[in-house]
Amino acid sequence: MTHKQKLIIAATATVFVWSTVMALMGHIAAVATLAPALGLTVQQIVNSARSHSEPAPAHPKEPVGDQEGRAS
């Protein structure tokens, strides 16, 4: 497991533990108010994990020339 994966898991766990503790302490109104922010936090964590995990292309595509050999 890479360092980045560990950080993502720790951040996600922190968000969920915090919201669970708030709910158990009776702060349902606070959890309900912050639910959209919690959802956005999780979405951003997942997006950041996915966007950088794809390998970069080996070499960029070259433009295709027309019949006379010029790039279009």
PDB file of N, CA and C in Angstrom:
ATOM      1  N   MET A   1       0.845  -1.165   0.000  1.00  0.00           N
ATOM      2  CA  MET A   1       0.000   0.000   0.000  1.00  0.00           C
ATOM      3  C   MET A   1       0.899   1.239   0.000  1.00  0.00           C
ATOM      4  N   THR A   2       0.607   2.157  -0.903  1.00  0.00           N
ATOM      5  CA  THR A   2       1.440   3.342  -1.026  1.00  0.00           C
ATOM      6  C   THR A   2       1.094   4.372   0.051  1.00  0.00           C
ATOM      7  N   HIS A   3       1.976   5.333   0.182  1.00  0.00           N
ATOM      8  CA  HIS A   3       1.779   6.402   1.161  1.00  0.00           C
ATOM      9  C   HIS A   3       0.509   7.187   0.840  1.00  0.00           C
ATOM     10  N   LYS A   4       0.268   7.430  -0.438  1.00  0.00           N
ATOM     11  CA  LYS A   4      -0.918   8.187  -0.846  1.00  0.00           C
ATOM     12  C   LYS A   4      -2.194   7.435  -0.470  1.00  0.00           C
ATOM     13  N   GLN A   5      -2.206   6.126  -0.680  1.00  0.00           N
ATOM     14  CA  GLN A   5      -3.386   5.332  -0.330  1.00  0.00           C
ATOM     15  C   GLN A   5      -3.641   5.378   1.173  1.00  0.00           C
ATOM     16  N   LYS A   6      -2.586   5.329   1.947  1.00  0.00           N
ATOM     17  CA  LYS A   6      -2.741   5.407   3.406  1.00  0.00           C
ATOM     18  C   LYS A   6      -3.333   6.745   3.825  1.00  0.00           C
ATOM     19  N   LEU A   7      -2.893   7.828   3.183  1.00  0.00           N
ATOM     20  CA  LEU A   7      -3.434   9.146   3.502  1.00  0.00           C
ATOM     21  C   LEU A   7      -4.902   9.247   3.115  1.00  0.00           C
ATOM     22  N   ILE A   8      -5.270   8.682   1.984  1.00  0.00           N
ATOM     23  CA  ILE A   8      -6.666   8.718   1.545  1.00  0.00           C
ATOM     24  C   ILE A   8      -7.543   7.948   2.516  1.00  0.00           C
ATOM     25  N   ILE A   9      -7.093   6.778   2.933  1.00  0.00           N
ATOM     26  CA  ILE A   9      -7.855   5.969   3.886  1.00  0.00           C
ATOM     27  C   ILE A   9      -7.978   6.697   5.225  1.00  0.00           C
ATOM     28  N   ALA A  10      -6.902   7.308   5.669  1.00  0.00           N
ATOM     29  CA  ALA A  10      -6.936   8.031   6.941  1.00  0.00           C
ATOM     30  C   ALA A  10      -7.889   9.219   6.872  1.00  0.00           C
ATOM     31  N   ALA A  11      -7.871   9.959   5.773  1.00  0.00           N
ATOM     32  CA  ALA A  11      -8.766  11.113   5.641  1.00  0.00           C
ATOM     33  C   ALA A  11     -10.221  10.680   5.598  1.00  0.00           C
ATOM     34  N   THR A  12     -10.511   9.633   4.843  1.00  0.00           N
ATOM     35  CA  THR A  12     -11.881   9.137   4.753  1.00  0.00           C
ATOM     36  C   THR A  12     -12.361   8.617   6.104  1.00  0.00           C
ATOM     37  N   ALA A  13     -11.519   7.866   6.791  1.00  0.00           N
ATOM     38  CA  ALA A  13     -11.881   7.340   8.102  1.00  0.00           C
ATOM     39  C   ALA A  13     -12.125   8.472   9.096  1.00  0.00           C
ATOM     40  N   THR A  14     -11.317   9.509   9.042  1.00  0.00           N
ATOM     41  CA  THR A  14     -11.489  10.645   9.939  1.00  0.00           C
ATOM     42  C   THR A  14     -12.841  11.319   9.722  1.00  0.00           C
ATOM     43  N   VAL A  15     -13.220  11.497   8.466  1.00  0.00           N
ATOM     44  CA  VAL A  15     -14.504  12.129   8.155  1.00  0.00           C
ATOM     45  C   VAL A  15     -15.657  11.293   8.703  1.00  0.00           C
ATOM     46  N   PHE A  16     -15.605   9.986   8.472  1.00  0.00           N
ATOM     47  CA  PHE A  16     -16.701   9.127   8.928  1.00  0.00           C
ATOM     48  C   PHE A  16     -16.735   8.988  10.450  1.00  0.00           C
ATOM     49  N   VAL A  17     -15.583   8.892  11.083  1.00  0.00           N
ATOM     50  CA  VAL A  17     -15.548   8.782  12.542  1.00  0.00           C
ATOM     51  C   VAL A  17     -16.067  10.069  13.176  1.00  0.00           C
ATOM     52  N   TRP A  18     -15.666  11.209  12.642  1.00  0.00           N
ATOM     53  CA  TRP A  18     -16.123  12.481  13.186  1.00  0.00           C
ATOM     54  C   TRP A  18     -17.643  12.577  13.107  1.00  0.00           C
ATOM     55  N   SER A  19     -18.213  12.232  11.954  1.00  0.00           N
ATOM     56  CA  SER A  19     -19.666  12.346  11.817  1.00  0.00           C
ATOM     57  C   SER A  19     -20.395  11.339  12.704  1.00  0.00           C
ATOM     58  N   THR A  20     -19.813  10.158  12.890  1.00  0.00           N
ATOM     59  CA  THR A  20     -20.430   9.162  13.775  1.00  0.00           C
ATOM     60  C   THR A  20     -20.411   9.631  15.228  1.00  0.00           C
ATOM     61  N   VAL A  21     -19.298  10.187  15.663  1.00  0.00           N
ATOM     62  CA  VAL A  21     -19.188  10.687  17.036  1.00  0.00           C
ATOM     63  C   VAL A  21     -20.174  11.833  17.265  1.00  0.00           C
ATOM     64  N   MET A  22     -20.291  12.710  16.284  1.00  0.00           N
ATOM     65  CA  MET A  22     -21.237  13.818  16.420  1.00  0.00           C
ATOM     66  C   MET A  22     -22.670  13.289  16.549  1.00  0.00           C
ATOM     67  N   ALA A  23     -23.003  12.269  15.761  1.00  0.00           N
ATOM     68  CA  ALA A  23     -24.352  11.696  15.822  1.00  0.00           C
ATOM     69  C   ALA A  23     -24.588  11.012  17.169  1.00  0.00           C
ATOM     70  N   LEU A  24     -23.604  10.291  17.677  1.00  0.00           N
ATOM     71  CA  LEU A  24     -23.742   9.600  18.956  1.00  0.00           C
ATOM     72  C   LEU A  24     -23.861  10.575  20.124  1.00  0.00           C
ATOM     73  N   MET A  25     -23.257  11.749  19.988  1.00  0.00           N
ATOM     74  CA  MET A  25     -23.323  12.743  21.051  1.00  0.00           C
ATOM     75  C   MET A  25     -24.632  13.536  21.002  1.00  0.00           C
ATOM     76  N   GLY A  26     -25.468  13.255  20.022  1.00  0.00           N
ATOM     77  CA  GLY A  26     -26.749  13.937  19.952  1.00  0.00           C
ATOM     78  C   GLY A  26     -26.755  15.190  19.111  1.00  0.00           C
ATOM     79  N   HIS A  27     -25.713  15.404  18.350  1.00  0.00           N
ATOM     80  CA  HIS A  27     -25.631  16.602  17.511  1.00  0.00           C
ATOM     81  C   HIS A  27     -26.141  16.286  16.102  1.00  0.00           C
ATOM     82  N   ILE A  28     -27.339  15.743  16.049  1.00  0.00           N
ATOM     83  CA  ILE A  28     -27.918  15.348  14.763  1.00  0.00           C
ATOM     84  C   ILE A  28     -28.098  16.561  13.857  1.00  0.00           C
ATOM     85  N   ALA A  29     -28.477  17.690  14.429  1.00  0.00           N
ATOM     86  CA  ALA A  29     -28.669  18.901  13.619  1.00  0.00           C
ATOM     87  C   ALA A  29     -27.359  19.320  12.959  1.00  0.00           C
ATOM     88  N   ALA A  30     -26.255  19.209  13.706  1.00  0.00           N
ATOM     89  CA  ALA A  30     -24.952  19.573  13.135  1.00  0.00           C
ATOM     90  C   ALA A  30     -24.563  18.612  12.028  1.00  0.00           C
ATOM     91  N   VAL A  31     -24.809  17.319  12.236  1.00  0.00           N
ATOM     92  CA  VAL A  31     -24.480  16.326  11.214  1.00  0.00           C
ATOM     93  C   VAL A  31     -25.341  16.554   9.972  1.00  0.00           C
ATOM     94  N   ALA A  32     -26.618  16.839  10.177  1.00  0.00           N
ATOM     95  CA  ALA A  32     -27.514  17.079   9.038  1.00  0.00           C
ATOM     96  C   ALA A  32     -27.103  18.333   8.278  1.00  0.00           C
ATOM     97  N   THR A  33     -26.668  19.351   8.996  1.00  0.00           N
ATOM     98  CA  THR A  33     -26.230  20.585   8.353  1.00  0.00           C
ATOM     99  C   THR A  33     -24.948  20.376   7.568  1.00  0.00           C
ATOM    100  N   LEU A  34     -24.055  19.587   8.110  1.00  0.00           N
ATOM    101  CA  LEU A  34     -22.756  19.378   7.472  1.00  0.00           C
ATOM    102  C   LEU A  34     -22.723  18.183   6.522  1.00  0.00           C
ATOM    103  N   ALA A  35     -23.821  17.468   6.368  1.00  0.00           N
ATOM    104  CA  ALA A  35     -23.841  16.291   5.497  1.00  0.00           C
ATOM    105  C   ALA A  35     -23.416  16.599   4.061  1.00  0.00           C
ATOM    106  N   PRO A  36     -23.869  17.691   3.465  1.00  0.00           N
ATOM    107  CA  PRO A  36     -23.393  17.985   2.106  1.00  0.00           C
ATOM    108  C   PRO A  36     -21.882  18.209   2.045  1.00  0.00           C
ATOM    109  N   ALA A  37     -21.336  18.865   3.054  1.00  0.00           N
ATOM    110  CA  ALA A  37     -19.887  19.082   3.078  1.00  0.00           C
ATOM    111  C   ALA A  37     -19.145  17.763   3.257  1.00  0.00           C
ATOM    112  N   LEU A  38     -19.692  16.878   4.089  1.00  0.00           N
ATOM    113  CA  LEU A  38     -19.069  15.565   4.266  1.00  0.00           C
ATOM    114  C   LEU A  38     -19.114  14.767   2.968  1.00  0.00           C
ATOM    115  N   GLY A  39     -20.248  14.820   2.288  1.00  0.00           N
ATOM    116  CA  GLY A  39     -20.363  14.123   1.008  1.00  0.00           C
ATOM    117  C   GLY A  39     -19.390  14.671  -0.020  1.00  0.00           C
ATOM    118  N   LEU A  40     -19.243  15.986  -0.065  1.00  0.00           N
ATOM    119  CA  LEU A  40     -18.313  16.605  -1.000  1.00  0.00           C
ATOM    120  C   LEU A  40     -16.875  16.229  -0.656  1.00  0.00           C
ATOM    121  N   THR A  41     -16.564  16.167   0.624  1.00  0.00           N
ATOM    122  CA  THR A  41     -15.221  15.768   1.048  1.00  0.00           C
ATOM    123  C   THR A  41     -14.888  14.366   0.555  1.00  0.00           C
ATOM    124  N   VAL A  42     -15.808  13.446   0.751  1.00  0.00           N
ATOM    125  CA  VAL A  42     -15.579  12.072   0.304  1.00  0.00           C
ATOM    126  C   VAL A  42     -15.461  12.028  -1.217  1.00  0.00           C
ATOM    127  N   GLN A  43     -16.299  12.783  -1.921  1.00  0.00           N
ATOM    128  CA  GLN A  43     -16.239  12.803  -3.386  1.00  0.00           C
ATOM    129  C   GLN A  43     -14.892  13.339  -3.864  1.00  0.00           C
ATOM    130  N   GLN A  44     -14.391  14.381  -3.242  1.00  0.00           N
ATOM    131  CA  GLN A  44     -13.110  14.944  -3.646  1.00  0.00           C
ATOM    132  C   GLN A  44     -11.963  13.978  -3.366  1.00  0.00           C
ATOM    133  N   ILE A  45     -12.041  13.253  -2.259  1.00  0.00           N
ATOM    134  CA  ILE A  45     -11.008  12.264  -1.948  1.00  0.00           C
ATOM    135  C   ILE A  45     -11.001  11.167  -2.998  1.00  0.00           C
ATOM    136  N   VAL A  46     -12.172  10.675  -3.353  1.00  0.00           N
ATOM    137  CA  VAL A  46     -12.263   9.612  -4.361  1.00  0.00           C
ATOM    138  C   VAL A  46     -11.782  10.114  -5.715  1.00  0.00           C
ATOM    139  N   ASN A  47     -12.173  11.328  -6.100  1.00  0.00           N
ATOM    140  CA  ASN A  47     -11.739  11.870  -7.389  1.00  0.00           C
ATOM    141  C   ASN A  47     -10.234  12.062  -7.438  1.00  0.00           C
ATOM    142  N   SER A  48      -9.644  12.513  -6.361  1.00  0.00           N
ATOM    143  CA  SER A  48      -8.198  12.708  -6.362  1.00  0.00           C
ATOM    144  C   SER A  48      -7.471  11.376  -6.432  1.00  0.00           C
ATOM    145  N   ALA A  49      -8.047  10.357  -5.838  1.00  0.00           N
ATOM    146  CA  ALA A  49      -7.417   9.038  -5.891  1.00  0.00           C
ATOM    147  C   ALA A  49      -7.497   8.449  -7.293  1.00  0.00           C
ATOM    148  N   ARG A  50      -8.607   8.676  -7.973  1.00  0.00           N
ATOM    149  CA  ARG A  50      -8.789   8.109  -9.310  1.00  0.00           C
ATOM    150  C   ARG A  50      -8.045   8.874 -10.388  1.00  0.00           C
ATOM    151  N   SER A  51      -7.974  10.187 -10.301  1.00  0.00           N
ATOM    152  CA  SER A  51      -7.423  10.981 -11.392  1.00  0.00           C
ATOM    153  C   SER A  51      -5.932  10.775 -11.584  1.00  0.00           C
ATOM    154  N   HIS A  52      -5.208  10.456 -10.534  1.00  0.00           N
ATOM    155  CA  HIS A  52      -3.763  10.309 -10.651  1.00  0.00           C
ATOM    156  C   HIS A  52      -3.328   8.859 -10.780  1.00  0.00           C
ATOM    157  N   SER A  53      -4.268   7.927 -10.751  1.00  0.00           N
ATOM    158  CA  SER A  53      -3.880   6.526 -10.801  1.00  0.00           C
ATOM    159  C   SER A  53      -3.771   6.004 -12.230  1.00  0.00           C
ATOM    160  N   GLU A  54      -4.258   6.759 -13.205  1.00  0.00           N
ATOM    161  CA  GLU A  54      -4.156   6.325 -14.584  1.00  0.00           C
ATOM    162  C   GLU A  54      -2.764   6.628 -15.108  1.00  0.00           C
ATOM    163  N   PRO A  55      -2.160   5.676 -15.826  1.00  0.00           N
ATOM    164  CA  PRO A  55      -0.813   5.923 -16.344  1.00  0.00           C
ATOM    165  C   PRO A  55      -0.842   6.948 -17.481  1.00  0.00           C
ATOM    166  N   ALA A  56       0.207   7.719 -17.580  1.00  0.00           N
ATOM    167  CA  ALA A  56       0.328   8.697 -18.657  1.00  0.00           C
ATOM    168  C   ALA A  56       0.663   7.966 -19.959  1.00  0.00           C
ATOM    169  N   PRO A  57       0.270   8.514 -21.095  1.00  0.00           N
ATOM    170  CA  PRO A  57       0.600   7.862 -22.355  1.00  0.00           C
ATOM    171  C   PRO A  57       2.109   7.793 -22.550  1.00  0.00           C
ATOM    172  N   ALA A  58       2.565   6.734 -23.219  1.00  0.00           N
ATOM    173  CA  ALA A  58       3.998   6.534 -23.426  1.00  0.00           C
ATOM    174  C   ALA A  58       4.595   7.678 -24.240  1.00  0.00           C
ATOM    175  N   HIS A  59       3.933   8.094 -25.286  1.00  0.00           N
ATOM    176  CA  HIS A  59       4.373   9.228 -26.079  1.00  0.00           C
ATOM    177  C   HIS A  59       3.152   9.892 -26.693  1.00  0.00           C
ATOM    178  N   PRO A  60       3.200  11.199 -26.870  1.00  0.00           N
ATOM    179  CA  PRO A  60       2.028  11.898 -27.388  1.00  0.00           C
ATOM    180  C   PRO A  60       1.723  11.498 -28.827  1.00  0.00           C
ATOM    181  N   LYS A  61       0.457  11.625 -29.172  1.00  0.00           N
ATOM    182  CA  LYS A  61       0.049  11.300 -30.528  1.00  0.00           C
ATOM    183  C   LYS A  61       0.581  12.358 -31.486  1.00  0.00           C
ATOM    184  N   GLU A  62       1.037  11.897 -32.624  1.00  0.00           N
ATOM    185  CA  GLU A  62       1.525  12.824 -33.641  1.00  0.00           C
ATOM    186  C   GLU A  62       0.376  13.192 -34.560  1.00  0.00           C
ATOM    187  N   PRO A  63       0.363  14.418 -35.058  1.00  0.00           N
ATOM    188  CA  PRO A  63      -0.719  14.799 -35.956  1.00  0.00           C
ATOM    189  C   PRO A  63      -0.660  13.977 -37.247  1.00  0.00           C
ATOM    190  N   VAL A  64      -1.831  13.653 -37.745  1.00  0.00           N
ATOM    191  CA  VAL A  64      -1.939  12.867 -38.969  1.00  0.00           C
ATOM    192  C   VAL A  64      -1.878  13.836 -40.148  1.00  0.00           C
ATOM    193  N   GLY A  65      -1.001  13.553 -41.119  1.00  0.00           N
ATOM    194  CA  GLY A  65      -0.866  14.416 -42.279  1.00  0.00           C
ATOM    195  C   GLY A  65      -1.940  14.119 -43.315  1.00  0.00           C
ATOM    196  N   ASP A  66      -2.198  15.123 -44.171  1.00  0.00           N
ATOM    197  CA  ASP A  66      -3.134  14.869 -45.257  1.00  0.00           C
ATOM    198  C   ASP A  66      -2.396  14.216 -46.420  1.00  0.00           C
ATOM    199  N   GLN A  67      -2.981  14.187 -47.589  1.00  0.00           N
ATOM    200  CA  GLN A  67      -2.382  13.493 -48.719  1.00  0.00           C
ATOM    201  C   GLN A  67      -1.037  14.087 -49.119  1.00  0.00           C
ATOM    202  N   GLU A  68      -0.829  15.344 -48.895  1.00  0.00           N
ATOM    203  CA  GLU A  68       0.411  15.987 -49.271  1.00  0.00           C
ATOM    204  C   GLU A  68       1.450  15.948 -48.154  1.00  0.00           C
ATOM    205  N   GLY A  69       1.127  15.316 -47.036  1.00  0.00           N
ATOM    206  CA  GLY A  69       2.066  15.147 -45.953  1.00  0.00           C
ATOM    207  C   GLY A  69       2.069  16.287 -44.945  1.00  0.00           C
ATOM    208  N   ARG A  70       1.173  17.244 -45.108  1.00  0.00           N
ATOM    209  CA  ARG A  70       1.094  18.336 -44.138  1.00  0.00           C
ATOM    210  C   ARG A  70       0.131  17.979 -43.027  1.00  0.00           C
ATOM    211  N   ALA A  71       0.374  18.509 -41.867  1.00  0.00           N
ATOM    212  CA  ALA A  71      -0.556  18.289 -40.764  1.00  0.00           C
ATOM    213  C   ALA A  71      -1.800  19.112 -41.000  1.00  0.00           C
ATOM    214  N   SER A  72      -2.943  18.557 -40.675  1.00  0.00           N
ATOM    215  CA  SER A  72      -4.207  19.290 -40.899  1.00  0.00           C
ATOM    216  C   SER A  72      -4.590  20.102 -39.724  1.00  0.00           C
TER     217      SER A  72
END
